[in-house]
């Protein structure tokens, strides 16, 4: 395990801090501090999923309300929901 703990010293792509993860959680933590916790596991999951979708839409430049609208329509129509996975990068031909 020791080499895995120090791999950021030899790999320039790895960051030694957790700033990105902390920034992603900040809005949810602030909401919980202001409003208090939810009363159930289902409420916790709803908030976590909502904040997760919001963060992904922000990072990918997607319109949150359009995504939510399409997700609700897919649920009503019993079709495949929209995906938050990034679009695949086309492999160069040749």
Protein backbone atom coordinates (compact mmCIF):
# COMPACT_ATOMS: atom_id res chain seq x y z
CA UNK A 1 0.00 0.00 0.00
CA UNK A 2 2.88 2.41 0.68
CA UNK A 3 3.78 2.95 -3.02
CA UNK A 4 0.13 3.71 -3.82
CA UNK A 5 0.05 6.40 -1.13
CA UNK A 6 3.01 8.22 -2.67
CA UNK A 7 2.25 7.67 -6.37
CA UNK A 8 1.38 11.37 -6.79
CA UNK A 9 5.10 12.18 -6.39
CA UNK A 10 6.02 10.29 -9.57
CA UNK A 11 2.85 10.76 -11.66
CA UNK A 12 2.26 14.39 -12.74
CA UNK A 13 -1.43 13.66 -13.51
CA UNK A 14 -2.24 12.87 -9.86
CA UNK A 15 -2.96 15.74 -7.49
CA UNK A 16 -1.79 15.49 -3.88
CA UNK A 17 -4.91 17.27 -2.59
CA UNK A 18 -8.61 16.53 -2.61
CA UNK A 19 -9.62 20.07 -3.59
CA UNK A 20 -11.82 18.99 -6.51
CA UNK A 21 -13.75 16.54 -4.33
CA UNK A 22 -14.12 19.10 -1.54
CA UNK A 23 -15.37 21.74 -3.96
CA UNK A 24 -17.90 19.30 -5.41
CA UNK A 25 -19.32 18.60 -1.93
CA UNK A 26 -19.27 22.19 -0.69
CA UNK A 27 -22.76 23.21 -1.89
CA UNK A 28 -24.36 20.10 -0.39
CA UNK A 29 -22.59 20.62 2.95
CA UNK A 30 -23.65 24.28 3.05
CA UNK A 31 -27.26 23.33 2.27
CA UNK A 32 -27.23 20.78 5.10
CA UNK A 33 -25.77 23.32 7.54
CA UNK A 34 -28.38 25.93 6.66
CA UNK A 35 -31.47 23.73 6.32
CA UNK A 36 -30.56 20.84 8.56
CA UNK A 37 -30.57 17.15 7.72
CA UNK A 38 -33.39 15.29 6.03
CA UNK A 39 -35.65 12.96 7.99
CA UNK A 40 -35.05 9.81 5.98
CA UNK A 41 -32.59 7.86 3.90
CA UNK A 42 -34.79 8.48 0.88
CA UNK A 43 -34.51 12.24 1.45
CA UNK A 44 -30.72 11.98 1.78
CA UNK A 45 -30.53 10.02 -1.48
CA UNK A 46 -32.80 12.50 -3.27
CA UNK A 47 -30.61 15.43 -2.25
CA UNK A 48 -27.37 13.64 -3.05
CA UNK A 49 -28.59 12.64 -6.51
CA UNK A 50 -29.97 16.10 -7.22
CA UNK A 51 -26.74 17.84 -6.24
CA UNK A 52 -24.78 15.24 -8.24
CA UNK A 53 -26.82 15.90 -11.40
CA UNK A 54 -26.49 19.65 -10.88
CA UNK A 55 -22.70 19.40 -10.53
CA UNK A 56 -22.32 17.18 -13.59
CA UNK A 57 -24.47 19.51 -15.69
CA UNK A 58 -22.35 22.47 -14.58
CA UNK A 59 -19.06 20.72 -15.41
CA UNK A 60 -20.30 19.56 -18.82
CA UNK A 61 -22.02 22.82 -19.73
CA UNK A 62 -25.46 21.18 -19.94
CA UNK A 63 -28.72 22.93 -19.16
CA UNK A 64 -29.96 21.41 -15.89
CA UNK A 65 -33.62 22.21 -16.50
CA UNK A 66 -33.56 20.75 -20.02
CA UNK A 67 -31.94 17.57 -18.66
CA UNK A 68 -34.55 17.28 -15.89
CA UNK A 69 -37.38 17.93 -18.38
CA UNK A 70 -36.07 15.19 -20.68
CA UNK A 71 -35.64 12.81 -17.73
CA UNK A 72 -39.25 13.32 -16.60
CA UNK A 73 -40.55 12.90 -20.16
CA UNK A 74 -38.56 9.67 -20.52
CA UNK A 75 -40.06 8.42 -17.26
CA UNK A 76 -43.59 9.26 -18.38
CA UNK A 77 -43.07 7.77 -21.85
CA UNK A 78 -41.27 4.72 -20.40
CA UNK A 79 -38.26 5.31 -22.68
CA UNK A 80 -34.53 5.41 -21.98
CA UNK A 81 -33.54 8.33 -19.76
CA UNK A 82 -31.00 10.92 -20.94
CA UNK A 83 -27.40 10.15 -20.10
CA UNK A 84 -24.92 12.30 -18.20
CA UNK A 85 -21.98 10.35 -19.55
CA UNK A 86 -19.70 12.50 -21.72
CA UNK A 87 -20.00 11.98 -25.45
CA UNK A 88 -17.44 9.46 -26.70
CA UNK A 89 -14.42 10.91 -28.47
CA UNK A 90 -14.13 9.65 -32.03
CA UNK A 91 -10.96 7.69 -32.73
CA UNK A 92 -8.79 9.17 -35.48
CA UNK A 93 -9.07 7.30 -38.74
CA UNK A 94 -6.09 6.27 -40.70
